[in-house]
Amino acid sequence: MATLGNSGIDVFPLSLGGNVFGWTSDKDASFDVLDQYVAGGGNFIDTADGYSAWVPGNSGGESETIIGEWLRARGNRDRVVVATKVSQHPQFRGLSASNVAAAADASLTRLGVEHIDLYYAHYDDESVPLTETAAAFDALVRAGKVRAIAVSNYTGARIREWIGIAEREGFAPPVAVQPHYNLVARARYEEDIAPVAADENLAVVPYYGLASGFLTGKYRTTEDLSKSPRGGGAGTYLNEGGLEVVDALDRIARARGAEIATVALAWLRGRPQVVAPIASASKASQLPALLASATFDLTAEEVAALDAASAKFA
């Protein structure tokens, strides 16, 4: 287990992404994935109130609803750390104080829980004074509705600004940051956010840890992209540089008798301040490779090889 910054909340070093629940994974398949994740030692589930409003027929909150139904069915709320986010639900957009309060209550209802363990500001909302947003999150902590707060998709400067406000006003500060970070998306995080995470002891919980599935090795041709609903996202990386990274992962995976996804997530877990990469699975058969990353340690030579292969993305 690893601790989320200064929160005292201990989590499994792989977070299960809930973005596919209610999208590529229906309720039964989602329950199977959640069951296998917990059976494998996992306890850290990541979702957002906006998941999955982009799917035709969905209105947002589908993932939270499925997770809530699963928590009630299994009776294991006290053994699971639930993280969700605010700002992107179609009915609760932005980070005004009133919206944060209303969205949190809606998430609590869908999840069927009394508190959210880790609550993220999903995207920065510069139309609202940051002091107002920070105060709204602090009010949720004081009310017992949220245990700890975090930010996602914020610049390093804005994270520092929020922390400064929290220190000045006596608000609960962010304890974690969720950035876009993986072997083929390094530069923005490493240059801008990593220094802040190190200075402030923020837990880093990267999303797109497998680059929309590209770093599993299953997308190597344009034809492969058409075989999955998520292929479009992976297509961003289908170029010479991306394939060089996959080849490097493949060599290590073959030598170690591991899956490519396991190696990719192990590299990410080994980066400074990274506590738990996020990876999602639409079916239970994908879980073993993800879970294995939590205990798969790369050698210094293997890390160097992956660093070199992905250097053009740094």
C-alpha atoms as a PDB file:
ATOM      1  CA  MET A   1       0.000   0.000   0.000  1.00  0.00           C
ATOM      2  CA  ALA A   2       1.010   3.621  -0.552  1.00  0.00           C
ATOM      3  CA  THR A   3      -0.233   6.819   1.118  1.00  0.00           C
ATOM      4  CA  LEU A   4      -1.977   9.627  -0.738  1.00  0.00           C
ATOM      5  CA  GLY A   5       0.288  12.551   0.117  1.00  0.00           C
ATOM      6  CA  ASN A   6      -0.382  13.838   3.624  1.00  0.00           C
ATOM      7  CA  SER A   7      -3.920  12.423   3.788  1.00  0.00           C
ATOM      8  CA  GLY A   8      -3.226   9.267   5.762  1.00  0.00           C
ATOM      9  CA  ILE A   9      -5.287   7.343   3.186  1.00  0.00           C
ATOM     10  CA  ASP A  10      -3.549   4.157   2.064  1.00  0.00           C
ATOM     11  CA  VAL A  11      -4.185   2.827  -1.412  1.00  0.00           C
ATOM     12  CA  PHE A  12      -3.195  -0.097  -3.610  1.00  0.00           C
ATOM     13  CA  PRO A  13      -0.488   0.990  -6.090  1.00  0.00           C
ATOM     14  CA  LEU A  14      -2.829   0.557  -9.053  1.00  0.00           C
ATOM     15  CA  SER A  15      -6.069   2.515  -9.276  1.00  0.00           C
ATOM     16  CA  LEU A  16      -8.964   0.984 -11.196  1.00  0.00           C
ATOM     17  CA  GLY A  17     -10.377   3.436 -13.715  1.00  0.00           C
ATOM     18  CA  GLY A  18     -14.154   3.618 -13.849  1.00  0.00           C
ATOM     19  CA  ASN A  19     -14.426   5.534 -17.120  1.00  0.00           C
ATOM     20  CA  VAL A  20     -15.519   2.392 -19.006  1.00  0.00           C
ATOM     21  CA  PHE A  21     -18.352   1.493 -16.609  1.00  0.00           C
ATOM     22  CA  GLY A  22     -21.623   2.217 -18.368  1.00  0.00           C
ATOM     23  CA  TRP A  23     -19.767   2.622 -21.660  1.00  0.00           C
ATOM     24  CA  THR A  24     -17.726  -0.299 -23.014  1.00  0.00           C
ATOM     25  CA  SER A  25     -18.487  -2.275 -19.863  1.00  0.00           C
ATOM     26  CA  ASP A  26     -22.115  -2.907 -18.880  1.00  0.00           C
ATOM     27  CA  LYS A  27     -23.254  -3.440 -15.302  1.00  0.00           C
ATOM     28  CA  ASP A  28     -22.529  -7.178 -15.146  1.00  0.00           C
ATOM     29  CA  ALA A  29     -19.110  -6.839 -16.773  1.00  0.00           C
ATOM     30  CA  SER A  30     -18.314  -3.886 -14.495  1.00  0.00           C
ATOM     31  CA  PHE A  31     -19.216  -5.926 -11.431  1.00  0.00           C
ATOM     32  CA  ASP A  32     -16.906  -8.709 -12.627  1.00  0.00           C
ATOM     33  CA  VAL A  33     -14.043  -6.260 -13.111  1.00  0.00           C
ATOM     34  CA  LEU A  34     -14.594  -4.670  -9.705  1.00  0.00           C
ATOM     35  CA  ASP A  35     -14.805  -8.071  -8.029  1.00  0.00           C
ATOM     36  CA  GLN A  36     -11.562  -9.280  -9.587  1.00  0.00           C
ATOM     37  CA  TYR A  37      -9.750  -6.040  -8.799  1.00  0.00           C
ATOM     38  CA  VAL A  38     -10.633  -6.296  -5.115  1.00  0.00           C
ATOM     39  CA  ALA A  39      -9.886 -10.016  -5.051  1.00  0.00           C
ATOM     40  CA  GLY A  40      -6.428  -9.160  -6.372  1.00  0.00           C
ATOM     41  CA  GLY A  41      -5.770  -6.790  -3.476  1.00  0.00           C
ATOM     42  CA  GLY A  42      -7.037  -3.570  -5.027  1.00  0.00           C
ATOM     43  CA  ASN A  43      -8.881  -0.912  -3.024  1.00  0.00           C
ATOM     44  CA  PHE A  44      -8.631   2.346  -5.036  1.00  0.00           C
ATOM     45  CA  ILE A  45     -11.440   3.075  -7.524  1.00  0.00           C
ATOM     46  CA  ASP A  46     -11.372   6.183  -9.697  1.00  0.00           C
ATOM     47  CA  THR A  47     -14.397   7.701 -11.421  1.00  0.00           C
ATOM     48  CA  ALA A  48     -15.990  11.080 -12.203  1.00  0.00           C
ATOM     49  CA  ASP A  49     -19.478  12.511 -12.230  1.00  0.00           C
ATOM     50  CA  GLY A  50     -19.246  13.089 -15.987  1.00  0.00           C
ATOM     51  CA  TYR A  51     -18.571   9.425 -16.848  1.00  0.00           C
ATOM     52  CA  SER A  52     -19.977   8.575 -19.336  1.00  0.00           C
ATOM     53  CA  ALA A  53     -22.032  11.468 -20.660  1.00  0.00           C
ATOM     54  CA  TRP A  54     -20.329  11.224 -24.070  1.00  0.00           C
ATOM     55  CA  VAL A  55     -22.098   7.925 -24.826  1.00  0.00           C
ATOM     56  CA  PRO A  56     -25.343   8.270 -26.822  1.00  0.00           C
ATOM     57  CA  GLY A  57     -28.256   7.723 -24.452  1.00  0.00           C
ATOM     58  CA  ASN A  58     -26.207   8.475 -21.327  1.00  0.00           C
ATOM     59  CA  SER A  59     -26.603  11.624 -19.253  1.00  0.00           C
ATOM     60  CA  GLY A  60     -23.570  11.420 -16.949  1.00  0.00           C
ATOM     61  CA  GLY A  61     -23.147   9.648 -13.623  1.00  0.00           C
ATOM     62  CA  GLU A  62     -23.489   6.146 -15.069  1.00  0.00           C
ATOM     63  CA  SER A  63     -20.119   5.030 -13.722  1.00  0.00           C
ATOM     64  CA  GLU A  64     -20.825   6.333 -10.220  1.00  0.00           C
ATOM     65  CA  THR A  65     -24.218   4.615 -10.247  1.00  0.00           C
ATOM     66  CA  ILE A  66     -22.715   1.247 -11.177  1.00  0.00           C
ATOM     67  CA  ILE A  67     -19.997   1.583  -8.546  1.00  0.00           C
ATOM     68  CA  GLY A  68     -22.628   2.526  -5.957  1.00  0.00           C
ATOM     69  CA  GLU A  69     -24.745  -0.512  -6.813  1.00  0.00           C
ATOM     70  CA  TRP A  70     -21.661  -2.716  -6.545  1.00  0.00           C
ATOM     71  CA  LEU A  71     -20.689  -1.260  -3.155  1.00  0.00           C
ATOM     72  CA  ARG A  72     -24.164  -1.954  -1.800  1.00  0.00           C
ATOM     73  CA  ALA A  73     -24.280  -5.448  -3.273  1.00  0.00           C
ATOM     74  CA  ARG A  74     -20.884  -6.404  -1.840  1.00  0.00           C
ATOM     75  CA  GLY A  75     -21.159  -4.545   1.472  1.00  0.00           C
ATOM     76  CA  ASN A  76     -17.504  -3.530   1.311  1.00  0.00           C
ATOM     77  CA  ARG A  77     -17.618   0.261   1.482  1.00  0.00           C
ATOM     78  CA  ASP A  78     -15.216   0.444   4.403  1.00  0.00           C
ATOM     79  CA  ARG A  79     -12.566  -1.509   2.471  1.00  0.00           C
ATOM     80  CA  VAL A  80     -12.603   0.621  -0.677  1.00  0.00           C
ATOM     81  CA  VAL A  81     -11.189   4.084  -1.370  1.00  0.00           C
ATOM     82  CA  VAL A  82     -13.504   5.898  -3.778  1.00  0.00           C
ATOM     83  CA  ALA A  83     -12.269   8.871  -5.804  1.00  0.00           C
ATOM     84  CA  THR A  84     -14.553  10.951  -7.991  1.00  0.00           C
ATOM     85  CA  LYS A  85     -14.489  14.358  -9.661  1.00  0.00           C
ATOM     86  CA  VAL A  86     -16.543  17.495 -10.282  1.00  0.00           C
ATOM     87  CA  SER A  87     -16.892  20.010 -13.139  1.00  0.00           C
ATOM     88  CA  GLN A  88     -17.838  17.956 -16.197  1.00  0.00           C
ATOM     89  CA  HIS A  89     -21.299  16.529 -15.507  1.00  0.00           C
ATOM     90  CA  PRO A  90     -23.747  18.112 -17.992  1.00  0.00           C
ATOM     91  CA  GLN A  91     -25.919  19.349 -15.116  1.00  0.00           C
ATOM     92  CA  PHE A  92     -23.031  20.412 -12.886  1.00  0.00           C
ATOM     93  CA  ARG A  93     -20.433  22.135 -15.012  1.00  0.00           C
ATOM     94  CA  GLY A  94     -17.742  24.347 -13.560  1.00  0.00           C
ATOM     95  CA  LEU A  95     -16.347  24.987 -10.103  1.00  0.00           C
ATOM     96  CA  SER A  96     -18.495  27.705  -8.544  1.00  0.00           C
ATOM     97  CA  ALA A  97     -19.164  27.141  -4.850  1.00  0.00           C
ATOM     98  CA  SER A  98     -22.836  26.374  -5.405  1.00  0.00           C
ATOM     99  CA  ASN A  99     -22.077  23.935  -8.206  1.00  0.00           C
ATOM    100  CA  VAL A 100     -19.381  22.091  -6.238  1.00  0.00           C
ATOM    101  CA  ALA A 101     -21.768  21.650  -3.310  1.00  0.00           C
ATOM    102  CA  ALA A 102     -24.643  20.425  -5.497  1.00  0.00           C
ATOM    103  CA  ALA A 103     -22.460  18.132  -7.583  1.00  0.00           C
ATOM    104  CA  ALA A 104     -20.929  16.553  -4.493  1.00  0.00           C
ATOM    105  CA  ASP A 105     -24.365  15.773  -3.093  1.00  0.00           C
ATOM    106  CA  ALA A 106     -25.405  14.244  -6.427  1.00  0.00           C
ATOM    107  CA  SER A 107     -22.266  12.081  -6.483  1.00  0.00           C
ATOM    108  CA  LEU A 108     -22.841  10.958  -2.897  1.00  0.00           C
ATOM    109  CA  THR A 109     -26.372   9.915  -3.856  1.00  0.00           C
ATOM    110  CA  ARG A 110     -25.299   7.986  -6.949  1.00  0.00           C
ATOM    111  CA  LEU A 111     -22.487   6.279  -5.079  1.00  0.00           C
ATOM    112  CA  GLY A 112     -24.734   5.579  -2.110  1.00  0.00           C
ATOM    113  CA  VAL A 113     -22.028   6.613   0.351  1.00  0.00           C
ATOM    114  CA  GLU A 114     -21.784   9.052   3.235  1.00  0.00           C
ATOM    115  CA  HIS A 115     -18.450  10.465   2.144  1.00  0.00           C
ATOM    116  CA  ILE A 116     -16.136  10.600  -0.865  1.00  0.00           C
ATOM    117  CA  ASP A 117     -12.595   9.568   0.013  1.00  0.00           C
ATOM    118  CA  LEU A 118     -10.812  11.695  -2.587  1.00  0.00           C
ATOM    119  CA  TYR A 119     -12.626  14.488  -4.443  1.00  0.00           C
ATOM    120  CA  TYR A 120     -11.020  16.050  -7.494  1.00  0.00           C
ATOM    121  CA  ALA A 121     -11.534  19.350  -9.242  1.00  0.00           C
ATOM    122  CA  HIS A 122     -11.663  17.641 -12.643  1.00  0.00           C
ATOM    123  CA  TYR A 123     -10.714  20.598 -14.855  1.00  0.00           C
ATOM    124  CA  ASP A 124      -9.643  24.077 -13.877  1.00  0.00           C
ATOM    125  CA  ASP A 125     -12.405  26.683 -14.136  1.00  0.00           C
ATOM    126  CA  GLU A 126     -10.713  30.049 -14.472  1.00  0.00           C
ATOM    127  CA  SER A 127     -14.081  31.821 -14.677  1.00  0.00           C
ATOM    128  CA  VAL A 128     -14.422  31.274 -10.916  1.00  0.00           C
ATOM    129  CA  PRO A 129     -12.022  32.804  -8.387  1.00  0.00           C
ATOM    130  CA  LEU A 130      -9.767  30.035  -7.148  1.00  0.00           C
ATOM    131  CA  THR A 131     -10.389  31.156  -3.572  1.00  0.00           C
ATOM    132  CA  GLU A 132     -14.090  30.420  -4.067  1.00  0.00           C
ATOM    133  CA  THR A 133     -13.387  26.923  -5.371  1.00  0.00           C
ATOM    134  CA  ALA A 134     -10.852  26.179  -2.638  1.00  0.00           C
ATOM    135  CA  ALA A 135     -13.352  27.340  -0.003  1.00  0.00           C
ATOM    136  CA  ALA A 136     -16.072  25.128  -1.482  1.00  0.00           C
ATOM    137  CA  PHE A 137     -13.867  22.051  -1.319  1.00  0.00           C
ATOM    138  CA  ASP A 138     -12.798  22.923   2.211  1.00  0.00           C
ATOM    139  CA  ALA A 139     -16.465  23.209   3.228  1.00  0.00           C
ATOM    140  CA  LEU A 140     -17.060  19.659   1.998  1.00  0.00           C
ATOM    141  CA  VAL A 141     -14.179  18.407   4.132  1.00  0.00           C
ATOM    142  CA  ARG A 142     -15.457  20.268   7.186  1.00  0.00           C
ATOM    143  CA  ALA A 143     -18.942  18.836   6.595  1.00  0.00           C
ATOM    144  CA  GLY A 144     -17.568  15.294   6.544  1.00  0.00           C
ATOM    145  CA  LYS A 145     -18.687  14.745   2.955  1.00  0.00           C
ATOM    146  CA  VAL A 146     -15.122  14.492   1.629  1.00  0.00           C
ATOM    147  CA  ARG A 147     -12.016  13.079   3.313  1.00  0.00           C
ATOM    148  CA  ALA A 148      -9.364  14.640   1.089  1.00  0.00           C
ATOM    149  CA  ILE A 149      -9.232  16.861  -1.980  1.00  0.00           C
ATOM    150  CA  ALA A 150      -7.229  16.783  -5.188  1.00  0.00           C
ATOM    151  CA  VAL A 151      -6.873  18.393  -8.610  1.00  0.00           C
ATOM    152  CA  SER A 152      -6.777  17.049 -12.150  1.00  0.00           C
ATOM    153  CA  ASN A 153      -5.748  18.780 -15.379  1.00  0.00           C
ATOM    154  CA  TYR A 154      -4.359  21.830 -13.558  1.00  0.00           C
ATOM    155  CA  THR A 155      -1.113  23.565 -14.446  1.00  0.00           C
ATOM    156  CA  GLY A 156       1.712  23.594 -11.953  1.00  0.00           C
ATOM    157  CA  ALA A 157       1.209  27.314 -11.352  1.00  0.00           C
ATOM    158  CA  ARG A 158      -2.479  26.903 -10.568  1.00  0.00           C
ATOM    159  CA  ILE A 159      -1.769  24.019  -8.199  1.00  0.00           C
ATOM    160  CA  ARG A 160       0.736  26.193  -6.342  1.00  0.00           C
ATOM    161  CA  GLU A 161      -1.829  28.996  -6.236  1.00  0.00           C
ATOM    162  CA  TRP A 162      -4.472  26.699  -4.704  1.00  0.00           C
ATOM    163  CA  ILE A 163      -2.013  25.456  -2.081  1.00  0.00           C
ATOM    164  CA  GLY A 164      -1.035  29.037  -1.266  1.00  0.00           C
ATOM    165  CA  ILE A 165      -4.688  29.983  -0.782  1.00  0.00           C
ATOM    166  CA  ALA A 166      -5.222  26.958   1.451  1.00  0.00           C
ATOM    167  CA  GLU A 167      -2.250  27.901   3.606  1.00  0.00           C
ATOM    168  CA  ARG A 168      -3.341  31.518   3.895  1.00  0.00           C
ATOM    169  CA  GLU A 169      -7.009  30.806   4.600  1.00  0.00           C
ATOM    170  CA  GLY A 170      -6.636  27.659   6.666  1.00  0.00           C
ATOM    171  CA  PHE A 171      -8.372  25.506   4.062  1.00  0.00           C
ATOM    172  CA  ALA A 172      -7.771  21.810   3.476  1.00  0.00           C
ATOM    173  CA  PRO A 173      -5.060  21.661   0.790  1.00  0.00           C
ATOM    174  CA  PRO A 174      -4.932  19.288  -2.176  1.00  0.00           C
ATOM    175  CA  VAL A 175      -3.123  16.059  -1.345  1.00  0.00           C
ATOM    176  CA  ALA A 176      -2.990  14.581  -4.850  1.00  0.00           C
ATOM    177  CA  VAL A 177      -2.858  15.469  -8.515  1.00  0.00           C
ATOM    178  CA  GLN A 178      -4.152  13.448 -11.450  1.00  0.00           C
ATOM    179  CA  PRO A 179      -2.261  14.351 -14.634  1.00  0.00           C
ATOM    180  CA  HIS A 180      -2.109  12.882 -18.122  1.00  0.00           C
ATOM    181  CA  TYR A 181       1.162  10.942 -17.936  1.00  0.00           C
ATOM    182  CA  ASN A 182       2.594   7.824 -19.532  1.00  0.00           C
ATOM    183  CA  LEU A 183       5.549   6.657 -21.628  1.00  0.00           C
ATOM    184  CA  VAL A 184       4.284   8.474 -24.739  1.00  0.00           C
ATOM    185  CA  ALA A 185       3.063  11.603 -22.910  1.00  0.00           C
ATOM    186  CA  ARG A 186       5.867  12.801 -20.656  1.00  0.00           C
ATOM    187  CA  ALA A 187       6.915  16.377 -21.313  1.00  0.00           C
ATOM    188  CA  ARG A 188       4.006  18.392 -19.973  1.00  0.00           C
ATOM    189  CA  TYR A 189       3.871  16.504 -16.687  1.00  0.00           C
ATOM    190  CA  GLU A 190       7.604  16.187 -16.105  1.00  0.00           C
ATOM    191  CA  GLU A 191       8.359  19.827 -16.886  1.00  0.00           C
ATOM    192  CA  ASP A 192       5.397  21.546 -15.253  1.00  0.00           C
ATOM    193  CA  ILE A 193       3.689  19.406 -12.633  1.00  0.00           C
ATOM    194  CA  ALA A 194       6.380  17.057 -11.310  1.00  0.00           C
ATOM    195  CA  PRO A 195       8.339  19.853  -9.575  1.00  0.00           C
ATOM    196  CA  VAL A 196       5.187  20.980  -7.736  1.00  0.00           C
ATOM    197  CA  ALA A 197       4.325  17.422  -6.714  1.00  0.00           C
ATOM    198  CA  ALA A 198       7.816  16.977  -5.296  1.00  0.00           C
ATOM    199  CA  ASP A 199       7.840  20.311  -3.468  1.00  0.00           C
ATOM    200  CA  GLU A 200       4.395  19.836  -1.928  1.00  0.00           C
ATOM    201  CA  ASN A 201       4.432  16.054  -1.363  1.00  0.00           C
ATOM    202  CA  LEU A 202       1.459  15.543  -3.650  1.00  0.00           C
ATOM    203  CA  ALA A 203       0.519  11.995  -4.537  1.00  0.00           C
ATOM    204  CA  VAL A 204       0.517  11.585  -8.314  1.00  0.00           C
ATOM    205  CA  VAL A 205      -2.246   9.395  -9.744  1.00  0.00           C
ATOM    206  CA  PRO A 206      -1.737   9.479 -13.531  1.00  0.00           C
ATOM    207  CA  TYR A 207      -4.584   8.853 -15.934  1.00  0.00           C
ATOM    208  CA  TYR A 208      -4.212   7.327 -19.407  1.00  0.00           C
ATOM    209  CA  GLY A 209      -1.468   5.188 -17.885  1.00  0.00           C
ATOM    210  CA  LEU A 210      -1.767   2.897 -20.901  1.00  0.00           C
ATOM    211  CA  ALA A 211      -2.400   5.678 -23.438  1.00  0.00           C
ATOM    212  CA  SER A 212      -5.970   4.563 -24.214  1.00  0.00           C
ATOM    213  CA  GLY A 213      -4.738   1.006 -24.640  1.00  0.00           C
ATOM    214  CA  PHE A 214      -1.845   1.834 -26.993  1.00  0.00           C
ATOM    215  CA  LEU A 215       0.709   0.726 -24.394  1.00  0.00           C
ATOM    216  CA  THR A 216      -0.841  -2.737 -24.191  1.00  0.00           C
ATOM    217  CA  GLY A 217       0.633  -3.437 -27.607  1.00  0.00           C
ATOM    218  CA  LYS A 218      -2.681  -4.294 -29.231  1.00  0.00           C
ATOM    219  CA  TYR A 219      -2.680  -1.307 -31.593  1.00  0.00           C
ATOM    220  CA  ARG A 220       0.179  -1.633 -34.080  1.00  0.00           C
ATOM    221  CA  THR A 221      -1.605  -0.903 -37.362  1.00  0.00           C
ATOM    222  CA  THR A 222      -4.423   1.382 -38.463  1.00  0.00           C
ATOM    223  CA  GLU A 223      -6.544  -1.724 -38.922  1.00  0.00           C
ATOM    224  CA  ASP A 224      -6.114  -2.544 -35.231  1.00  0.00           C
ATOM    225  CA  LEU A 225      -7.617   0.815 -34.288  1.00  0.00           C
ATOM    226  CA  SER A 226     -10.963  -0.042 -35.844  1.00  0.00           C
ATOM    227  CA  LYS A 227     -11.402  -3.094 -33.626  1.00  0.00           C
ATOM    228  CA  SER A 228     -12.155  -1.159 -30.419  1.00  0.00           C
ATOM    229  CA  PRO A 229     -14.327   1.813 -29.367  1.00  0.00           C
ATOM    230  CA  ARG A 230     -11.226   3.265 -27.714  1.00  0.00           C
ATOM    231  CA  GLY A 231      -9.037   2.840 -30.784  1.00  0.00           C
ATOM    232  CA  GLY A 232      -9.414   6.487 -31.746  1.00  0.00           C
ATOM    233  CA  GLY A 233      -7.586   7.627 -28.634  1.00  0.00           C
ATOM    234  CA  ALA A 234      -4.798   5.118 -29.149  1.00  0.00           C
ATOM    235  CA  GLY A 235      -4.403   6.277 -32.736  1.00  0.00           C
ATOM    236  CA  THR A 236      -2.748   9.472 -31.506  1.00  0.00           C
ATOM    237  CA  TYR A 237       0.352   7.454 -30.671  1.00  0.00           C
ATOM    238  CA  LEU A 238       0.433   5.180 -33.707  1.00  0.00           C
ATOM    239  CA  ASN A 239       3.603   6.567 -35.258  1.00  0.00           C
ATOM    240  CA  GLU A 240       7.278   5.677 -35.441  1.00  0.00           C
ATOM    241  CA  GLY A 241       8.076   7.041 -31.990  1.00  0.00           C
ATOM    242  CA  GLY A 242       5.121   5.347 -30.337  1.00  0.00           C
ATOM    243  CA  LEU A 243       5.901   2.004 -31.933  1.00  0.00           C
ATOM    244  CA  GLU A 244       9.523   2.261 -30.757  1.00  0.00           C
ATOM    245  CA  VAL A 245       8.220   2.517 -27.192  1.00  0.00           C
ATOM    246  CA  VAL A 246       5.935  -0.490 -27.695  1.00  0.00           C
ATOM    247  CA  ASP A 247       8.853  -2.469 -29.132  1.00  0.00           C
ATOM    248  CA  ALA A 248      10.980  -1.638 -26.083  1.00  0.00           C
ATOM    249  CA  LEU A 249       8.146  -2.700 -23.786  1.00  0.00           C
ATOM    250  CA  ASP A 250       7.700  -5.871 -25.805  1.00  0.00           C
ATOM    251  CA  ARG A 251      11.366  -6.847 -25.466  1.00  0.00           C
ATOM    252  CA  ILE A 252      11.258  -6.469 -21.693  1.00  0.00           C
ATOM    253  CA  ALA A 253       7.912  -8.249 -21.412  1.00  0.00           C
ATOM    254  CA  ARG A 254       9.140 -11.229 -23.432  1.00  0.00           C
ATOM    255  CA  ALA A 255      12.350 -11.474 -21.438  1.00  0.00           C
ATOM    256  CA  ARG A 256      10.481 -11.365 -18.134  1.00  0.00           C
ATOM    257  CA  GLY A 257       7.471 -13.474 -19.131  1.00  0.00           C
ATOM    258  CA  ALA A 258       5.139 -10.552 -18.491  1.00  0.00           C
ATOM    259  CA  GLU A 259       2.457  -8.634 -20.371  1.00  0.00           C
ATOM    260  CA  ILE A 260       3.349  -5.379 -22.125  1.00  0.00           C
ATOM    261  CA  ALA A 261       0.737  -3.511 -20.069  1.00  0.00           C
ATOM    262  CA  THR A 262       2.345  -4.752 -16.860  1.00  0.00           C
ATOM    263  CA  VAL A 263       5.712  -3.337 -17.879  1.00  0.00           C
ATOM    264  CA  ALA A 264       4.262   0.013 -18.977  1.00  0.00           C
ATOM    265  CA  LEU A 265       2.424   0.521 -15.692  1.00  0.00           C
ATOM    266  CA  ALA A 266       5.443  -0.632 -13.672  1.00  0.00           C
ATOM    267  CA  TRP A 267       7.545   2.075 -15.334  1.00  0.00           C
ATOM    268  CA  LEU A 268       4.928   4.658 -14.410  1.00  0.00           C
ATOM    269  CA  ARG A 269       4.605   3.424 -10.833  1.00  0.00           C
ATOM    270  CA  GLY A 270       8.354   3.789 -10.436  1.00  0.00           C
ATOM    271  CA  ARG A 271       8.399   7.512 -11.252  1.00  0.00           C
ATOM    272  CA  PRO A 272       8.919   9.966  -8.357  1.00  0.00           C
ATOM    273  CA  GLN A 273       5.742  10.832  -6.416  1.00  0.00           C
ATOM    274  CA  VAL A 274       3.608   8.418  -8.453  1.00  0.00           C
ATOM    275  CA  VAL A 275       1.468   6.491  -5.978  1.00  0.00           C
ATOM    276  CA  ALA A 276      -0.982   4.644  -8.205  1.00  0.00           C
ATOM    277  CA  PRO A 277      -1.321   4.776 -11.987  1.00  0.00           C
ATOM    278  CA  ILE A 278      -4.906   4.510 -13.215  1.00  0.00           C
ATOM    279  CA  ALA A 279      -5.846   1.769 -15.652  1.00  0.00           C
ATOM    280  CA  SER A 280      -9.267   0.614 -16.732  1.00  0.00           C
ATOM    281  CA  ALA A 281     -10.550  -2.755 -17.889  1.00  0.00           C
ATOM    282  CA  SER A 282     -13.779  -3.417 -19.750  1.00  0.00           C
ATOM    283  CA  LYS A 283     -13.639  -7.135 -18.958  1.00  0.00           C
ATOM    284  CA  ALA A 284     -12.205  -9.176 -16.099  1.00  0.00           C
ATOM    285  CA  SER A 285      -9.759 -11.022 -18.343  1.00  0.00           C
ATOM    286  CA  GLN A 286      -7.769  -7.776 -18.673  1.00  0.00           C
ATOM    287  CA  LEU A 287      -7.228  -7.455 -14.911  1.00  0.00           C
ATOM    288  CA  PRO A 288      -4.330  -9.885 -14.272  1.00  0.00           C
ATOM    289  CA  ALA A 289      -1.883  -7.875 -16.386  1.00  0.00           C
ATOM    290  CA  LEU A 290      -2.906  -4.661 -14.647  1.00  0.00           C
ATOM    291  CA  LEU A 291      -2.768  -6.077 -11.130  1.00  0.00           C
ATOM    292  CA  ALA A 292       0.641  -7.618 -11.784  1.00  0.00           C
ATOM    293  CA  SER A 293       2.107  -4.143 -12.267  1.00  0.00           C
ATOM    294  CA  ALA A 294       1.647  -3.368  -8.580  1.00  0.00           C
ATOM    295  CA  THR A 295       4.429  -5.779  -7.635  1.00  0.00           C
ATOM    296  CA  PHE A 296       6.456  -5.845 -10.866  1.00  0.00           C
ATOM    297  CA  ASP A 297       9.771  -4.051 -10.349  1.00  0.00           C
ATOM    298  CA  LEU A 298      11.908  -3.082 -13.291  1.00  0.00           C
ATOM    299  CA  THR A 299      15.710  -3.285 -13.164  1.00  0.00           C
ATOM    300  CA  ALA A 300      17.766  -0.133 -13.573  1.00  0.00           C
ATOM    301  CA  GLU A 301      18.751  -1.317 -17.051  1.00  0.00           C
ATOM    302  CA  GLU A 302      15.115  -1.854 -18.035  1.00  0.00           C
ATOM    303  CA  VAL A 303      14.128   1.586 -16.786  1.00  0.00           C
ATOM    304  CA  ALA A 304      16.998   3.120 -18.737  1.00  0.00           C
ATOM    305  CA  ALA A 305      15.906   1.322 -21.896  1.00  0.00           C
ATOM    306  CA  LEU A 306      12.338   2.608 -21.555  1.00  0.00           C
ATOM    307  CA  ASP A 307      13.537   6.111 -20.709  1.00  0.00           C
ATOM    308  CA  ALA A 308      15.646   6.101 -23.865  1.00  0.00           C
ATOM    309  CA  ALA A 309      12.883   4.709 -26.078  1.00  0.00           C
ATOM    310  CA  SER A 310      10.445   7.363 -24.844  1.00  0.00           C
ATOM    311  CA  ALA A 311      12.937  10.232 -24.707  1.00  0.00           C
ATOM    312  CA  LYS A 312      11.382  12.010 -27.703  1.00  0.00           C
ATOM    313  CA  PHE A 313       8.165  12.349 -25.655  1.00  0.00           C
ATOM    314  CA  ALA A 314       9.999  13.869 -22.674  1.00  0.00           C
END
